[in-house]
């Protein structure tokens, strides 16, 4: 569950942690039990509301393409940090060492997901409609993914493997793109 939620945090920073806080507050069967841990404050109502307000602001800001590059640069460390946090929250009942290791792995996974997200988007385009549609698809992916990862936690590891494969394939495709053109050789 932690790996999948960290992947989703690399796409949308606040939505996965907000849903984990909500699920824990509502005592879903497979949600992490945060009572008695350092993350117990996530179960408070005002924290859940604050996280959802930040998630809605992020969702709306993602649709504005005027400051896209600046916003992505500002949100990258937040996505990575919240990816580590959500993985640590998923591992909270297992002790301090597991939480710290999970936070490091979660930050790495969220960084990889953020890199995959940014590398699959076109760098310059005059028509912003496809970018808005991609953003909407990402929102739907994160909404469905968070529900799915809390209900069926092992699927998160499969999504992490898929994100690694996606980054690899994008890099290989970009290297091969102009390989056959004689004008670009030596």
Protein backbone atom coordinates (compact mmCIF):
# COMPACT_ATOMS: atom_id res chain seq x y z
CA UNK A 1 0.00 0.00 0.00
CA UNK A 2 2.79 2.42 0.85
CA UNK A 3 4.56 1.99 -2.49
CA UNK A 4 1.39 2.60 -4.46
CA UNK A 5 0.45 5.66 -2.43
CA UNK A 6 3.99 7.01 -2.83
CA UNK A 7 3.65 6.63 -6.62
CA UNK A 8 0.39 8.56 -6.49
CA UNK A 9 1.99 11.24 -4.31
CA UNK A 10 4.52 11.76 -7.08
CA UNK A 11 1.59 12.59 -9.37
CA UNK A 12 -0.63 14.56 -6.95
CA UNK A 13 0.99 15.52 -3.67
CA UNK A 14 -1.89 16.05 -1.26
CA UNK A 15 -4.63 13.72 -2.48
CA UNK A 16 -3.14 10.36 -1.35
CA UNK A 17 -2.24 11.58 2.14
CA UNK A 18 -5.67 13.21 2.45
CA UNK A 19 -7.44 9.97 1.58
CA UNK A 20 -5.23 7.93 3.91
CA UNK A 21 -6.05 10.39 6.70
CA UNK A 22 -9.77 10.14 5.87
CA UNK A 23 -9.72 6.34 5.69
CA UNK A 24 -7.86 6.16 8.98
CA UNK A 25 -10.28 8.66 10.54
CA UNK A 26 -13.23 6.54 9.35
CA UNK A 27 -11.50 3.31 10.47
CA UNK A 28 -11.55 1.49 7.13
CA UNK A 29 -10.66 -2.16 7.59
CA UNK A 30 -7.34 -2.11 5.72
CA UNK A 31 -6.32 1.50 6.46
CA UNK A 32 -3.33 2.00 8.75
CA UNK A 33 -4.14 2.24 12.45
CA UNK A 34 -2.46 5.50 13.46
CA UNK A 35 -3.71 5.63 17.04
CA UNK A 36 -0.77 5.65 19.43
CA UNK A 37 1.80 6.53 16.73
CA UNK A 38 3.48 9.82 15.87
CA UNK A 39 1.01 10.12 12.96
CA UNK A 40 -2.10 10.06 15.18
CA UNK A 41 -2.78 13.73 14.37
CA UNK A 42 -3.76 12.67 10.81
CA UNK A 43 -6.96 11.21 12.26
CA UNK A 44 -8.14 14.60 13.54
CA UNK A 45 -11.01 16.11 11.59
CA UNK A 46 -9.37 19.50 11.02
CA UNK A 47 -6.26 17.84 9.55
CA UNK A 48 -8.38 15.78 7.14
CA UNK A 49 -10.25 18.93 6.05
CA UNK A 50 -7.00 20.89 5.64
CA UNK A 51 -5.46 18.14 3.52
CA UNK A 52 -8.51 17.98 1.28
CA UNK A 53 -8.51 21.78 0.87
CA UNK A 54 -4.84 21.63 -0.17
CA UNK A 55 -5.65 18.76 -2.54
CA UNK A 56 -8.44 20.74 -4.22
CA UNK A 57 -6.16 23.78 -4.56
CA UNK A 58 -3.52 21.57 -6.16
CA UNK A 59 -6.07 20.00 -8.53
CA UNK A 60 -7.29 23.44 -9.65
CA UNK A 61 -3.79 24.89 -9.96
CA UNK A 62 -2.78 21.95 -12.13
CA UNK A 63 -5.31 23.07 -14.74
CA UNK A 64 -3.70 26.53 -15.07
CA UNK A 65 -0.87 26.24 -17.60
CA UNK A 66 0.51 29.78 -17.31
CA UNK A 67 2.95 28.96 -14.50
CA UNK A 68 3.35 25.26 -15.27
CA UNK A 69 7.15 25.00 -15.12
CA UNK A 70 7.48 27.16 -12.00
CA UNK A 71 4.70 25.29 -10.21
CA UNK A 72 6.23 21.91 -11.11
CA UNK A 73 9.61 23.00 -9.74
CA UNK A 74 8.00 24.24 -6.53
CA UNK A 75 5.83 21.14 -6.11
CA UNK A 76 8.57 18.59 -6.81
CA UNK A 77 10.10 18.61 -3.29
CA UNK A 78 6.62 18.66 -1.76
CA UNK A 79 5.58 15.62 -3.80
CA UNK A 80 8.75 13.77 -2.82
CA UNK A 81 8.39 14.64 0.87
CA UNK A 82 4.72 13.67 0.98
CA UNK A 83 5.52 10.43 -0.87
CA UNK A 84 7.93 9.56 1.93
CA UNK A 85 5.40 10.62 4.52
CA UNK A 86 2.55 8.57 3.09
CA UNK A 87 4.78 5.47 2.90
CA UNK A 88 5.85 6.03 6.52
CA UNK A 89 2.21 6.45 7.56
CA UNK A 90 1.40 3.13 5.90
CA UNK A 91 4.20 1.50 7.91
CA UNK A 92 3.44 3.37 11.19
CA UNK A 93 2.39 0.40 13.33
CA UNK A 94 5.62 -1.47 12.54
CA UNK A 95 8.02 0.73 14.56
CA UNK A 96 10.54 3.53 14.09
CA UNK A 97 13.10 1.75 11.95
CA UNK A 98 10.45 0.56 9.51
CA UNK A 99 8.98 4.08 9.35
CA UNK A 100 12.35 5.70 8.56
CA UNK A 101 13.25 3.12 5.92
CA UNK A 102 9.75 3.41 4.46
CA UNK A 103 10.02 7.20 4.36
CA UNK A 104 13.28 7.00 2.40
CA UNK A 105 11.86 4.42 -0.02
CA UNK A 106 8.66 6.45 -0.33
CA UNK A 107 10.61 9.59 -1.18
CA UNK A 108 12.56 7.70 -3.84
CA UNK A 109 9.41 6.20 -5.30
CA UNK A 110 7.61 9.55 -5.34
CA UNK A 111 10.63 11.15 -6.99
CA UNK A 112 10.61 8.47 -9.67
CA UNK A 113 6.87 8.95 -10.25
CA UNK A 114 7.31 12.73 -10.44
CA UNK A 115 10.12 12.28 -12.95
CA UNK A 116 7.98 9.91 -15.03
CA UNK A 117 5.09 12.36 -14.92
CA UNK A 118 7.20 15.29 -16.06
CA UNK A 119 9.09 13.31 -18.72
CA UNK A 120 5.94 12.04 -20.41
CA UNK A 121 4.49 15.51 -20.90
CA UNK A 122 5.28 17.57 -24.00
CA UNK A 123 7.70 20.41 -23.30
CA UNK A 124 6.13 22.98 -25.59
CA UNK A 125 2.79 23.08 -27.27
CA UNK A 126 0.45 25.82 -28.39
CA UNK A 127 -2.75 23.87 -27.79
CA UNK A 128 -3.26 23.34 -24.05
CA UNK A 129 -6.30 21.04 -24.41
CA UNK A 130 -4.31 17.76 -24.40
CA UNK A 131 -2.42 18.91 -21.30
CA UNK A 132 -5.66 19.64 -19.46
CA UNK A 133 -6.99 16.21 -20.45
CA UNK A 134 -3.80 14.56 -19.21
CA UNK A 135 -4.21 16.41 -15.94
CA UNK A 136 -7.81 15.23 -15.62
CA UNK A 137 -6.72 11.64 -16.34
CA UNK A 138 -4.07 11.96 -13.63
CA UNK A 139 -6.72 13.19 -11.18
CA UNK A 140 -8.95 10.20 -11.95
CA UNK A 141 -5.98 7.84 -11.66
CA UNK A 142 -5.08 9.19 -8.22
CA UNK A 143 -8.68 9.11 -6.99
CA UNK A 144 -9.26 5.51 -8.09
CA UNK A 145 -5.74 4.45 -7.11
CA UNK A 146 -5.95 5.66 -3.53
CA UNK A 147 -9.21 3.82 -2.98
CA UNK A 148 -7.83 0.71 -4.63
CA UNK A 149 -4.52 0.74 -2.73
CA UNK A 150 -6.22 1.03 0.63
CA UNK A 151 -8.69 -1.74 -0.16
CA UNK A 152 -6.15 -4.04 -1.91
CA UNK A 153 -2.71 -2.99 -0.59
CA UNK A 154 -0.50 -5.35 -2.70
CA UNK A 155 -1.48 -3.68 -5.96
CA UNK A 156 0.72 -0.72 -4.99
CA UNK A 157 3.88 -2.73 -5.61
CA UNK A 158 2.68 -3.56 -9.13
CA UNK A 159 2.09 0.13 -9.88
CA UNK A 160 5.60 0.93 -8.65
CA UNK A 161 7.02 -1.66 -11.06
CA UNK A 162 4.91 -0.22 -13.88
CA UNK A 163 6.24 3.30 -13.20
CA UNK A 164 9.83 2.01 -13.34
CA UNK A 165 9.10 0.29 -16.65
CA UNK A 166 7.47 3.46 -17.99
CA UNK A 167 10.52 5.60 -17.18
CA UNK A 168 12.81 3.03 -18.79
CA UNK A 169 10.70 2.85 -21.97
CA UNK A 170 10.48 6.64 -22.31
CA UNK A 171 14.26 6.95 -22.05
CA UNK A 172 14.89 4.18 -24.58
CA UNK A 173 12.36 5.66 -27.00
CA UNK A 174 13.88 9.13 -26.76
CA UNK A 175 17.38 7.77 -27.40
CA UNK A 176 16.19 5.81 -30.45
CA UNK A 177 14.11 8.64 -31.87
CA UNK A 178 16.76 10.13 -34.15
CA UNK A 179 19.15 7.18 -34.34
CA UNK A 180 18.39 6.34 -37.98
CA UNK A 181 18.77 9.86 -39.36
CA UNK A 182 22.09 10.29 -41.19
CA UNK A 183 22.10 14.04 -40.79
CA UNK A 184 22.34 13.69 -37.01
CA UNK A 185 25.24 11.23 -37.09
CA UNK A 186 28.72 12.47 -36.43
